[in-house]
Amino acid sequence: MKTLLKLVVMALIVHASWRIGSAYWDHYQFEDAVKESAQFSERKKLETIQTNVMQIAERLEIPIQADQLTITKTNRKITVEGTYSRDIEVIPRYIRHWDFTVNVDVLSVN
C-alpha cells in the first residue's frame, strides 16, 4: 500500500510538471518568436508589428488579445509588453489560473 501511494504521488508530480512545463515552453517560444519578429520591424508601422505578434500568438495558441499588448517604438528600439492568463490542469480536475508576462525589448537591425 505504501508503494502504491508513492507511485500515485509521483504520477501527480510528473503530471503537474508536464502541464506547467508545457505552458512555460509555449510562453518562451512565443517570446522568442516575438523578439525575432521585432528585430526586423524597424521600418514597419506599429499596427503591422501588432498584427505580426497576434499572428504568432494564434499560431502558437497563446491566449492573448490585442488590447493586452503594448507596443512602443522609438528610434531603433521596439518594446512589446503584455500579459495573458492560461488555465492549467495541475492535477486531474484541479485547474489553476496562471499569469504570464511578455516583455520583449529589442534593437532592430534594419
PDB file of N, CA and C in Angstrom:
ATOM      1  N   MET A   1       0.821  -1.203   0.000  1.00  0.00           N
ATOM      2  CA  MET A   1       0.000   0.000   0.000  1.00  0.00           C
ATOM      3  C   MET A   1       0.860   1.259   0.000  1.00  0.00           C
ATOM      4  N   LYS A   2       1.943   1.221   0.752  1.00  0.00           N
ATOM      5  CA  LYS A   2       2.833   2.372   0.832  1.00  0.00           C
ATOM      6  C   LYS A   2       3.470   2.656  -0.537  1.00  0.00           C
ATOM      7  N   THR A   3       3.834   1.601  -1.240  1.00  0.00           N
ATOM      8  CA  THR A   3       4.434   1.740  -2.574  1.00  0.00           C
ATOM      9  C   THR A   3       3.423   2.325  -3.556  1.00  0.00           C
ATOM     10  N   LEU A   4       2.194   1.871  -3.479  1.00  0.00           N
ATOM     11  CA  LEU A   4       1.138   2.389  -4.349  1.00  0.00           C
ATOM     12  C   LEU A   4       0.921   3.879  -4.117  1.00  0.00           C
ATOM     13  N   LEU A   5       0.909   4.293  -2.871  1.00  0.00           N
ATOM     14  CA  LEU A   5       0.745   5.709  -2.541  1.00  0.00           C
ATOM     15  C   LEU A   5       1.903   6.536  -3.102  1.00  0.00           C
ATOM     16  N   LYS A   6       3.116   6.005  -2.987  1.00  0.00           N
ATOM     17  CA  LYS A   6       4.290   6.704  -3.538  1.00  0.00           C
ATOM     18  C   LYS A   6       4.184   6.824  -5.053  1.00  0.00           C
ATOM     19  N   LEU A   7       3.710   5.783  -5.716  1.00  0.00           N
ATOM     20  CA  LEU A   7       3.550   5.822  -7.168  1.00  0.00           C
ATOM     21  C   LEU A   7       2.498   6.845  -7.594  1.00  0.00           C
ATOM     22  N   VAL A   8       1.412   6.906  -6.843  1.00  0.00           N
ATOM     23  CA  VAL A   8       0.356   7.876  -7.148  1.00  0.00           C
ATOM     24  C   VAL A   8       0.881   9.301  -6.974  1.00  0.00           C
ATOM     25  N   VAL A   9       1.580   9.550  -5.892  1.00  0.00           N
ATOM     26  CA  VAL A   9       2.146  10.883  -5.657  1.00  0.00           C
ATOM     27  C   VAL A   9       3.142  11.233  -6.757  1.00  0.00           C
ATOM     28  N   MET A  10       3.982  10.277  -7.130  1.00  0.00           N
ATOM     29  CA  MET A  10       4.962  10.528  -8.184  1.00  0.00           C
ATOM     30  C   MET A  10       4.271  10.804  -9.524  1.00  0.00           C
ATOM     31  N   ALA A  11       3.211  10.084  -9.817  1.00  0.00           N
ATOM     32  CA  ALA A  11       2.459  10.312 -11.051  1.00  0.00           C
ATOM     33  C   ALA A  11       1.847  11.711 -11.059  1.00  0.00           C
ATOM     34  N   LEU A  12       1.331  12.151  -9.921  1.00  0.00           N
ATOM     35  CA  LEU A  12       0.761  13.502  -9.834  1.00  0.00           C
ATOM     36  C   LEU A  12       1.836  14.566 -10.031  1.00  0.00           C
ATOM     37  N   ILE A  13       3.009  14.347  -9.482  1.00  0.00           N
ATOM     38  CA  ILE A  13       4.113  15.301  -9.651  1.00  0.00           C
ATOM     39  C   ILE A  13       4.545  15.357 -11.109  1.00  0.00           C
ATOM     40  N   VAL A  14       4.660  14.211 -11.746  1.00  0.00           N
ATOM     41  CA  VAL A  14       5.055  14.169 -13.159  1.00  0.00           C
ATOM     42  C   VAL A  14       3.993  14.856 -14.012  1.00  0.00           C
ATOM     43  N   HIS A  15       2.719  14.590 -13.743  1.00  0.00           N
ATOM     44  CA  HIS A  15       1.631  15.209 -14.492  1.00  0.00           C
ATOM     45  C   HIS A  15       1.674  16.732 -14.361  1.00  0.00           C
ATOM     46  N   ALA A  16       1.805  17.221 -13.148  1.00  0.00           N
ATOM     47  CA  ALA A  16       1.847  18.667 -12.912  1.00  0.00           C
ATOM     48  C   ALA A  16       3.062  19.293 -13.585  1.00  0.00           C
ATOM     49  N   SER A  17       4.198  18.628 -13.475  1.00  0.00           N
ATOM     50  CA  SER A  17       5.420  19.151 -14.104  1.00  0.00           C
ATOM     51  C   SER A  17       5.259  19.235 -15.615  1.00  0.00           C
ATOM     52  N   TRP A  18       4.651  18.223 -16.193  1.00  0.00           N
ATOM     53  CA  TRP A  18       4.450  18.212 -17.650  1.00  0.00           C
ATOM     54  C   TRP A  18       3.529  19.351 -18.072  1.00  0.00           C
ATOM     55  N   ARG A  19       2.413  19.516 -17.381  1.00  0.00           N
ATOM     56  CA  ARG A  19       1.450  20.561 -17.745  1.00  0.00           C
ATOM     57  C   ARG A  19       2.026  21.963 -17.573  1.00  0.00           C
ATOM     58  N   ILE A  20       2.651  22.219 -16.458  1.00  0.00           N
ATOM     59  CA  ILE A  20       3.226  23.545 -16.196  1.00  0.00           C
ATOM     60  C   ILE A  20       4.406  23.793 -17.127  1.00  0.00           C
ATOM     61  N   GLY A  21       5.252  22.793 -17.285  1.00  0.00           N
ATOM     62  CA  GLY A  21       6.406  22.924 -18.182  1.00  0.00           C
ATOM     63  C   GLY A  21       5.992  23.189 -19.617  1.00  0.00           C
ATOM     64  N   SER A  22       4.940  22.526 -20.074  1.00  0.00           N
ATOM     65  CA  SER A  22       4.454  22.744 -21.443  1.00  0.00           C
ATOM     66  C   SER A  22       3.948  24.169 -21.635  1.00  0.00           C
ATOM     67  N   ALA A  23       3.258  24.689 -20.628  1.00  0.00           N
ATOM     68  CA  ALA A  23       2.758  26.063 -20.723  1.00  0.00           C
ATOM     69  C   ALA A  23       3.909  27.060 -20.778  1.00  0.00           C
ATOM     70  N   TYR A  24       4.925  26.837 -19.959  1.00  0.00           N
ATOM     71  CA  TYR A  24       6.085  27.727 -19.989  1.00  0.00           C
ATOM     72  C   TYR A  24       6.870  27.581 -21.290  1.00  0.00           C
ATOM     73  N   TRP A  25       6.962  26.380 -21.806  1.00  0.00           N
ATOM     74  CA  TRP A  25       7.641  26.164 -23.089  1.00  0.00           C
ATOM     75  C   TRP A  25       6.945  26.961 -24.186  1.00  0.00           C
ATOM     76  N   ASP A  26       5.613  26.911 -24.239  1.00  0.00           N
ATOM     77  CA  ASP A  26       4.853  27.691 -25.218  1.00  0.00           C
ATOM     78  C   ASP A  26       5.109  29.180 -25.033  1.00  0.00           C
ATOM     79  N   HIS A  27       5.155  29.625 -23.779  1.00  0.00           N
ATOM     80  CA  HIS A  27       5.389  31.039 -23.492  1.00  0.00           C
ATOM     81  C   HIS A  27       6.772  31.484 -23.988  1.00  0.00           C
ATOM     82  N   TYR A  28       7.789  30.682 -23.717  1.00  0.00           N
ATOM     83  CA  TYR A  28       9.138  31.044 -24.155  1.00  0.00           C
ATOM     84  C   TYR A  28       9.273  31.005 -25.669  1.00  0.00           C
ATOM     85  N   GLN A  29       8.591  30.080 -26.326  1.00  0.00           N
ATOM     86  CA  GLN A  29       8.590  30.061 -27.783  1.00  0.00           C
ATOM     87  C   GLN A  29       7.928  31.326 -28.328  1.00  0.00           C
ATOM     88  N   PHE A  30       6.843  31.750 -27.692  1.00  0.00           N
ATOM     89  CA  PHE A  30       6.141  32.966 -28.098  1.00  0.00           C
ATOM     90  C   PHE A  30       7.049  34.185 -27.949  1.00  0.00           C
ATOM     91  N   GLU A  31       7.674  34.332 -26.778  1.00  0.00           N
ATOM     92  CA  GLU A  31       8.569  35.467 -26.569  1.00  0.00           C
ATOM     93  C   GLU A  31       9.716  35.474 -27.584  1.00  0.00           C
ATOM     94  N   ASP A  32      10.273  34.319 -27.861  1.00  0.00           N
ATOM     95  CA  ASP A  32      11.380  34.218 -28.810  1.00  0.00           C
ATOM     96  C   ASP A  32      10.935  34.612 -30.217  1.00  0.00           C
ATOM     97  N   ALA A  33       9.772  34.152 -30.635  1.00  0.00           N
ATOM     98  CA  ALA A  33       9.263  34.493 -31.965  1.00  0.00           C
ATOM     99  C   ALA A  33       8.931  35.976 -32.064  1.00  0.00           C
ATOM    100  N   VAL A  34       8.385  36.558 -30.990  1.00  0.00           N
ATOM    101  CA  VAL A  34       8.085  37.994 -30.985  1.00  0.00           C
ATOM    102  C   VAL A  34       9.380  38.794 -31.052  1.00  0.00           C
ATOM    103  N   LYS A  35      10.386  38.365 -30.325  1.00  0.00           N
ATOM    104  CA  LYS A  35      11.682  39.051 -30.349  1.00  0.00           C
ATOM    105  C   LYS A  35      12.280  39.022 -31.750  1.00  0.00           C
ATOM    106  N   GLU A  36      12.244  37.864 -32.382  1.00  0.00           N
ATOM    107  CA  GLU A  36      12.789  37.739 -33.735  1.00  0.00           C
ATOM    108  C   GLU A  36      12.025  38.611 -34.725  1.00  0.00           C
ATOM    109  N   SER A  37      10.707  38.624 -34.602  1.00  0.00           N
ATOM    110  CA  SER A  37       9.886  39.450 -35.485  1.00  0.00           C
ATOM    111  C   SER A  37      10.159  40.936 -35.270  1.00  0.00           C
ATOM    112  N   ALA A  38      10.290  41.348 -34.019  1.00  0.00           N
ATOM    113  CA  ALA A  38      10.501  42.770 -33.704  1.00  0.00           C
ATOM    114  C   ALA A  38      11.871  43.258 -34.175  1.00  0.00           C
ATOM    115  N   GLN A  39      12.854  42.389 -34.164  1.00  0.00           N
ATOM    116  CA  GLN A  39      14.201  42.799 -34.582  1.00  0.00           C
ATOM    117  C   GLN A  39      14.239  43.252 -36.035  1.00  0.00           C
ATOM    118  N   PHE A  40      13.346  42.739 -36.842  1.00  0.00           N
ATOM    119  CA  PHE A  40      13.336  43.084 -38.255  1.00  0.00           C
ATOM    120  C   PHE A  40      12.134  43.946 -38.622  1.00  0.00           C
ATOM    121  N   SER A  41      11.687  44.770 -37.697  1.00  0.00           N
ATOM    122  CA  SER A  41      10.480  45.571 -37.904  1.00  0.00           C
ATOM    123  C   SER A  41      10.707  47.066 -37.765  1.00  0.00           C
ATOM    124  N   GLU A  42      11.933  47.522 -37.925  1.00  0.00           N
ATOM    125  CA  GLU A  42      12.212  48.945 -37.713  1.00  0.00           C
ATOM    126  C   GLU A  42      11.398  49.844 -38.637  1.00  0.00           C
ATOM    127  N   ARG A  43      11.220  49.439 -39.872  1.00  0.00           N
ATOM    128  CA  ARG A  43      10.529  50.291 -40.838  1.00  0.00           C
ATOM    129  C   ARG A  43       9.032  50.022 -40.904  1.00  0.00           C
ATOM    130  N   LYS A  44       8.539  49.130 -40.077  1.00  0.00           N
ATOM    131  CA  LYS A  44       7.113  48.789 -40.089  1.00  0.00           C
ATOM    132  C   LYS A  44       6.346  49.671 -39.121  1.00  0.00           C
ATOM    133  N   LYS A  45       5.066  49.849 -39.414  1.00  0.00           N
ATOM    134  CA  LYS A  45       4.187  50.621 -38.529  1.00  0.00           C
ATOM    135  C   LYS A  45       3.822  49.779 -37.313  1.00  0.00           C
ATOM    136  N   LEU A  46       3.406  50.464 -36.251  1.00  0.00           N
ATOM    137  CA  LEU A  46       3.022  49.771 -35.021  1.00  0.00           C
ATOM    138  C   LEU A  46       1.885  48.771 -35.255  1.00  0.00           C
ATOM    139  N   GLU A  47       0.939  49.137 -36.118  1.00  0.00           N
ATOM    140  CA  GLU A  47      -0.189  48.253 -36.407  1.00  0.00           C
ATOM    141  C   GLU A  47       0.287  46.961 -37.072  1.00  0.00           C
ATOM    142  N   THR A  48       1.274  47.069 -37.947  1.00  0.00           N
ATOM    143  CA  THR A  48       1.817  45.897 -38.622  1.00  0.00           C
ATOM    144  C   THR A  48       2.554  45.001 -37.631  1.00  0.00           C
ATOM    145  N   ILE A  49       3.297  45.613 -36.733  1.00  0.00           N
ATOM    146  CA  ILE A  49       4.006  44.832 -35.709  1.00  0.00           C
ATOM    147  C   ILE A  49       3.000  44.110 -34.825  1.00  0.00           C
ATOM    148  N   GLN A  50       1.934  44.807 -34.439  1.00  0.00           N
ATOM    149  CA  GLN A  50       0.914  44.178 -33.598  1.00  0.00           C
ATOM    150  C   GLN A  50       0.229  43.026 -34.339  1.00  0.00           C
ATOM    151  N   THR A  51      -0.043  43.216 -35.611  1.00  0.00           N
ATOM    152  CA  THR A  51      -0.636  42.141 -36.409  1.00  0.00           C
ATOM    153  C   THR A  51       0.283  40.931 -36.453  1.00  0.00           C
ATOM    154  N   ASN A  52       1.580  41.173 -36.630  1.00  0.00           N
ATOM    155  CA  ASN A  52       2.545  40.074 -36.644  1.00  0.00           C
ATOM    156  C   ASN A  52       2.565  39.331 -35.309  1.00  0.00           C
ATOM    157  N   VAL A  53       2.541  40.082 -34.209  1.00  0.00           N
ATOM    158  CA  VAL A  53       2.548  39.466 -32.877  1.00  0.00           C
ATOM    159  C   VAL A  53       1.283  38.639 -32.676  1.00  0.00           C
ATOM    160  N   MET A  54       0.152  39.147 -33.107  1.00  0.00           N
ATOM    161  CA  MET A  54      -1.100  38.406 -32.948  1.00  0.00           C
ATOM    162  C   MET A  54      -1.111  37.142 -33.816  1.00  0.00           C
ATOM    163  N   GLN A  55      -0.501  37.205 -34.996  1.00  0.00           N
ATOM    164  CA  GLN A  55      -0.396  36.005 -35.836  1.00  0.00           C
ATOM    165  C   GLN A  55       0.489  34.950 -35.174  1.00  0.00           C
ATOM    166  N   ILE A  56       1.564  35.397 -34.555  1.00  0.00           N
ATOM    167  CA  ILE A  56       2.440  34.470 -33.826  1.00  0.00           C
ATOM    168  C   ILE A  56       1.666  33.834 -32.671  1.00  0.00           C
ATOM    169  N   ALA A  57       0.914  34.641 -31.936  1.00  0.00           N
ATOM    170  CA  ALA A  57       0.131  34.126 -30.813  1.00  0.00           C
ATOM    171  C   ALA A  57      -0.907  33.103 -31.285  1.00  0.00           C
ATOM    172  N   GLU A  58      -1.539  33.390 -32.387  1.00  0.00           N
ATOM    173  CA  GLU A  58      -2.532  32.455 -32.923  1.00  0.00           C
ATOM    174  C   GLU A  58      -1.875  31.145 -33.347  1.00  0.00           C
ATOM    175  N   ARG A  59      -0.738  31.240 -34.012  1.00  0.00           N
ATOM    176  CA  ARG A  59      -0.025  30.042 -34.481  1.00  0.00           C
ATOM    177  C   ARG A  59       0.419  29.172 -33.303  1.00  0.00           C
ATOM    178  N   LEU A  60       0.855  29.808 -32.206  1.00  0.00           N
ATOM    179  CA  LEU A  60       1.340  29.062 -31.040  1.00  0.00           C
ATOM    180  C   LEU A  60       0.247  28.804 -29.994  1.00  0.00           C
ATOM    181  N   GLU A  61      -0.981  29.210 -30.324  1.00  0.00           N
ATOM    182  CA  GLU A  61      -2.141  29.032 -29.438  1.00  0.00           C
ATOM    183  C   GLU A  61      -1.948  29.702 -28.075  1.00  0.00           C
ATOM    184  N   ILE A  62      -1.430  30.937 -28.123  1.00  0.00           N
ATOM    185  CA  ILE A  62      -1.265  31.749 -26.922  1.00  0.00           C
ATOM    186  C   ILE A  62      -2.525  32.602 -26.762  1.00  0.00           C
ATOM    187  N   PRO A  63      -3.220  32.512 -25.621  1.00  0.00           N
ATOM    188  CA  PRO A  63      -4.490  33.231 -25.452  1.00  0.00           C
ATOM    189  C   PRO A  63      -4.300  34.694 -25.060  1.00  0.00           C
ATOM    190  N   ILE A  64      -3.771  35.482 -25.973  1.00  0.00           N
ATOM    191  CA  ILE A  64      -3.569  36.909 -25.703  1.00  0.00           C
ATOM    192  C   ILE A  64      -4.390  37.702 -26.710  1.00  0.00           C
ATOM    193  N   GLN A  65      -4.960  38.797 -26.251  1.00  0.00           N
ATOM    194  CA  GLN A  65      -5.765  39.672 -27.104  1.00  0.00           C
ATOM    195  C   GLN A  65      -4.956  40.919 -27.451  1.00  0.00           C
ATOM    196  N   ALA A  66      -5.332  41.565 -28.539  1.00  0.00           N
ATOM    197  CA  ALA A  66      -4.616  42.757 -29.000  1.00  0.00           C
ATOM    198  C   ALA A  66      -4.622  43.862 -27.936  1.00  0.00           C
ATOM    199  N   ASP A  67      -5.705  43.980 -27.177  1.00  0.00           N
ATOM    200  CA  ASP A  67      -5.761  45.044 -26.168  1.00  0.00           C
ATOM    201  C   ASP A  67      -4.918  44.730 -24.932  1.00  0.00           C
ATOM    202  N   GLN A  68      -4.354  43.533 -24.852  1.00  0.00           N
ATOM    203  CA  GLN A  68      -3.468  43.175 -23.746  1.00  0.00           C
ATOM    204  C   GLN A  68      -2.005  43.461 -24.081  1.00  0.00           C
ATOM    205  N   LEU A  69      -1.758  43.950 -25.291  1.00  0.00           N
ATOM    206  CA  LEU A  69      -0.397  44.249 -25.738  1.00  0.00           C
ATOM    207  C   LEU A  69      -0.143  45.743 -25.771  1.00  0.00           C
ATOM    208  N   THR A  70       1.066  46.118 -25.423  1.00  0.00           N
ATOM    209  CA  THR A  70       1.522  47.489 -25.579  1.00  0.00           C
ATOM    210  C   THR A  70       2.804  47.436 -26.395  1.00  0.00           C
ATOM    211  N   ILE A  71       2.783  48.107 -27.535  1.00  0.00           N
ATOM    212  CA  ILE A  71       3.954  48.114 -28.411  1.00  0.00           C
ATOM    213  C   ILE A  71       4.404  49.555 -28.570  1.00  0.00           C
ATOM    214  N   THR A  72       5.668  49.803 -28.263  1.00  0.00           N
ATOM    215  CA  THR A  72       6.229  51.137 -28.427  1.00  0.00           C
ATOM    216  C   THR A  72       7.460  51.046 -29.318  1.00  0.00           C
ATOM    217  N   LYS A  73       7.697  52.127 -30.002  1.00  0.00           N
ATOM    218  CA  LYS A  73       8.805  52.169 -30.955  1.00  0.00           C
ATOM    219  C   LYS A  73       9.455  53.543 -30.869  1.00  0.00           C
ATOM    220  N   THR A  74      10.746  53.575 -30.541  1.00  0.00           N
ATOM    221  CA  THR A  74      11.496  54.822 -30.501  1.00  0.00           C
ATOM    222  C   THR A  74      12.831  54.589 -31.191  1.00  0.00           C
ATOM    223  N   ASN A  75      13.127  55.417 -32.157  1.00  0.00           N
ATOM    224  CA  ASN A  75      14.348  55.270 -32.958  1.00  0.00           C
ATOM    225  C   ASN A  75      14.483  53.826 -33.424  1.00  0.00           C
ATOM    226  N   ARG A  76      15.451  53.100 -32.909  1.00  0.00           N
ATOM    227  CA  ARG A  76      15.661  51.709 -33.322  1.00  0.00           C
ATOM    228  C   ARG A  76      15.195  50.710 -32.272  1.00  0.00           C
ATOM    229  N   LYS A  77      14.605  51.184 -31.196  1.00  0.00           N
ATOM    230  CA  LYS A  77      14.188  50.301 -30.100  1.00  0.00           C
ATOM    231  C   LYS A  77      12.690  50.003 -30.197  1.00  0.00           C
ATOM    232  N   ILE A  78      12.372  48.725 -30.124  1.00  0.00           N
ATOM    233  CA  ILE A  78      10.972  48.287 -30.142  1.00  0.00           C
ATOM    234  C   ILE A  78      10.721  47.489 -28.869  1.00  0.00           C
ATOM    235  N   THR A  79       9.633  47.839 -28.183  1.00  0.00           N
ATOM    236  CA  THR A  79       9.258  47.158 -26.950  1.00  0.00           C
ATOM    237  C   THR A  79       7.857  46.579 -27.100  1.00  0.00           C
ATOM    238  N   VAL A  80       7.732  45.310 -26.759  1.00  0.00           N
ATOM    239  CA  VAL A  80       6.431  44.637 -26.769  1.00  0.00           C
ATOM    240  C   VAL A  80       6.192  44.128 -25.352  1.00  0.00           C
ATOM    241  N   GLU A  81       5.105  44.600 -24.739  1.00  0.00           N
ATOM    242  CA  GLU A  81       4.770  44.191 -23.378  1.00  0.00           C
ATOM    243  C   GLU A  81       3.313  43.748 -23.335  1.00  0.00           C
ATOM    244  N   GLY A  82       3.037  42.816 -22.459  1.00  0.00           N
ATOM    245  CA  GLY A  82       1.665  42.364 -22.305  1.00  0.00           C
ATOM    246  C   GLY A  82       1.562  41.256 -21.275  1.00  0.00           C
ATOM    247  N   THR A  83       0.341  40.955 -20.924  1.00  0.00           N
ATOM    248  CA  THR A  83       0.083  39.856 -20.001  1.00  0.00           C
ATOM    249  C   THR A  83      -1.086  39.036 -20.529  1.00  0.00           C
ATOM    250  N   TYR A  84      -1.050  37.771 -20.205  1.00  0.00           N
ATOM    251  CA  TYR A  84      -2.171  36.902 -20.535  1.00  0.00           C
ATOM    252  C   TYR A  84      -2.235  35.804 -19.489  1.00  0.00           C
ATOM    253  N   SER A  85      -3.347  35.101 -19.464  1.00  0.00           N
ATOM    254  CA  SER A  85      -3.550  34.044 -18.481  1.00  0.00           C
ATOM    255  C   SER A  85      -3.925  32.750 -19.178  1.00  0.00           C
ATOM    256  N   ARG A  86      -3.527  31.667 -18.565  1.00  0.00           N
ATOM    257  CA  ARG A  86      -3.905  30.335 -19.037  1.00  0.00           C
ATOM    258  C   ARG A  86      -4.413  29.536 -17.854  1.00  0.00           C
ATOM    259  N   ASP A  87      -5.364  28.682 -18.127  1.00  0.00           N
ATOM    260  CA  ASP A  87      -5.832  27.740 -17.120  1.00  0.00           C
ATOM    261  C   ASP A  87      -5.070  26.439 -17.331  1.00  0.00           C
ATOM    262  N   ILE A  88      -4.371  26.004 -16.299  1.00  0.00           N
ATOM    263  CA  ILE A  88      -3.540  24.805 -16.383  1.00  0.00           C
ATOM    264  C   ILE A  88      -4.090  23.766 -15.416  1.00  0.00           C
ATOM    265  N   GLU A  89      -4.314  22.578 -15.944  1.00  0.00           N
ATOM    266  CA  GLU A  89      -4.781  21.474 -15.112  1.00  0.00           C
ATOM    267  C   GLU A  89      -3.576  20.880 -14.394  1.00  0.00           C
ATOM    268  N   VAL A  90      -3.310  21.367 -13.197  1.00  0.00           N
ATOM    269  CA  VAL A  90      -2.133  20.964 -12.437  1.00  0.00           C
ATOM    270  C   VAL A  90      -2.231  19.493 -12.031  1.00  0.00           C
ATOM    271  N   ILE A  91      -3.329  19.131 -11.444  1.00  0.00           N
ATOM    272  CA  ILE A  91      -3.622  17.722 -11.198  1.00  0.00           C
ATOM    273  C   ILE A  91      -5.005  17.467 -11.793  1.00  0.00           C
ATOM    274  N   PRO A  92      -5.317  16.227 -12.103  1.00  0.00           N
ATOM    275  CA  PRO A  92      -6.620  15.976 -12.734  1.00  0.00           C
ATOM    276  C   PRO A  92      -7.777  16.611 -11.965  1.00  0.00           C
ATOM    277  N   ARG A  93      -8.569  17.369 -12.697  1.00  0.00           N
ATOM    278  CA  ARG A  93      -9.749  18.082 -12.199  1.00  0.00           C
ATOM    279  C   ARG A  93      -9.431  19.247 -11.265  1.00  0.00           C
ATOM    280  N   TYR A  94      -8.168  19.665 -11.195  1.00  0.00           N
ATOM    281  CA  TYR A  94      -7.805  20.860 -10.424  1.00  0.00           C
ATOM    282  C   TYR A  94      -7.103  21.813 -11.388  1.00  0.00           C
ATOM    283  N   ILE A  95      -7.837  22.842 -11.784  1.00  0.00           N
ATOM    284  CA  ILE A  95      -7.333  23.800 -12.763  1.00  0.00           C
ATOM    285  C   ILE A  95      -6.907  25.056 -12.028  1.00  0.00           C
ATOM    286  N   ARG A  96      -5.694  25.510 -12.362  1.00  0.00           N
ATOM    287  CA  ARG A  96      -5.154  26.712 -11.730  1.00  0.00           C
ATOM    288  C   ARG A  96      -4.983  27.791 -12.784  1.00  0.00           C
ATOM    289  N   HIS A  97      -5.350  29.003 -12.431  1.00  0.00           N
ATOM    290  CA  HIS A  97      -5.226  30.179 -13.295  1.00  0.00           C
ATOM    291  C   HIS A  97      -3.780  30.667 -13.211  1.00  0.00           C
ATOM    292  N   TRP A  98      -3.060  30.693 -14.340  1.00  0.00           N
ATOM    293  CA  TRP A  98      -1.639  31.033 -14.356  1.00  0.00           C
ATOM    294  C   TRP A  98      -1.446  32.269 -15.213  1.00  0.00           C
ATOM    295  N   ASP A  99      -0.746  33.274 -14.678  1.00  0.00           N
ATOM    296  CA  ASP A  99      -0.489  34.512 -15.409  1.00  0.00           C
ATOM    297  C   ASP A  99       0.908  34.490 -16.021  1.00  0.00           C
ATOM    298  N   PHE A 100       0.998  34.974 -17.255  1.00  0.00           N
ATOM    299  CA  PHE A 100       2.268  35.078 -17.960  1.00  0.00           C
ATOM    300  C   PHE A 100       2.472  36.525 -18.399  1.00  0.00           C
ATOM    301  N   THR A 101       3.712  36.978 -18.359  1.00  0.00           N
ATOM    302  CA  THR A 101       4.051  38.333 -18.767  1.00  0.00           C
ATOM    303  C   THR A 101       5.001  38.277 -19.948  1.00  0.00           C
ATOM    304  N   VAL A 102       4.676  39.034 -20.973  1.00  0.00           N
ATOM    305  CA  VAL A 102       5.535  39.152 -22.147  1.00  0.00           C
ATOM    306  C   VAL A 102       6.266  40.473 -22.033  1.00  0.00           C
ATOM    307  N   ASN A 103       7.580  40.437 -22.129  1.00  0.00           N
ATOM    308  CA  ASN A 103       8.384  41.644 -22.080  1.00  0.00           C
ATOM    309  C   ASN A 103       9.561  41.481 -23.042  1.00  0.00           C
ATOM    310  N   VAL A 104       9.383  42.009 -24.239  1.00  0.00           N
ATOM    311  CA  VAL A 104      10.404  41.896 -25.273  1.00  0.00           C
ATOM    312  C   VAL A 104      10.920  43.297 -25.574  1.00  0.00           C
ATOM    313  N   ASP A 105      12.221  43.457 -25.518  1.00  0.00           N
ATOM    314  CA  ASP A 105      12.874  44.745 -25.727  1.00  0.00           C
ATOM    315  C   ASP A 105      14.026  44.512 -26.693  1.00  0.00           C
ATOM    316  N   VAL A 106      13.935  45.052 -27.925  1.00  0.00           N
ATOM    317  CA  VAL A 106      14.969  44.769 -28.923  1.00  0.00           C
ATOM    318  C   VAL A 106      15.412  46.050 -29.626  1.00  0.00           C
ATOM    319  N   LEU A 107      16.606  45.974 -30.141  1.00  0.00           N
ATOM    320  CA  LEU A 107      17.088  46.985 -31.079  1.00  0.00           C
ATOM    321  C   LEU A 107      16.963  46.378 -32.464  1.00  0.00           C
ATOM    322  N   SER A 108      16.235  47.057 -33.349  1.00  0.00           N
ATOM    323  CA  SER A 108      16.034  46.498 -34.676  1.00  0.00           C
ATOM    324  C   SER A 108      17.314  46.596 -35.499  1.00  0.00           C
ATOM    325  N   VAL A 109      17.451  45.667 -36.450  1.00  0.00           N
ATOM    326  CA  VAL A 109      18.698  45.601 -37.214  1.00  0.00           C
ATOM    327  C   VAL A 109      18.607  46.179 -38.618  1.00  0.00           C
ATOM    328  N   ASN A 110      17.424  46.503 -39.123  1.00  0.00           N
ATOM    329  CA  ASN A 110      17.382  47.110 -40.460  1.00  0.00           C
ATOM    330  C   ASN A 110      16.991  48.544 -40.392  1.00  0.00           C
TER     331      ASN A 110
END
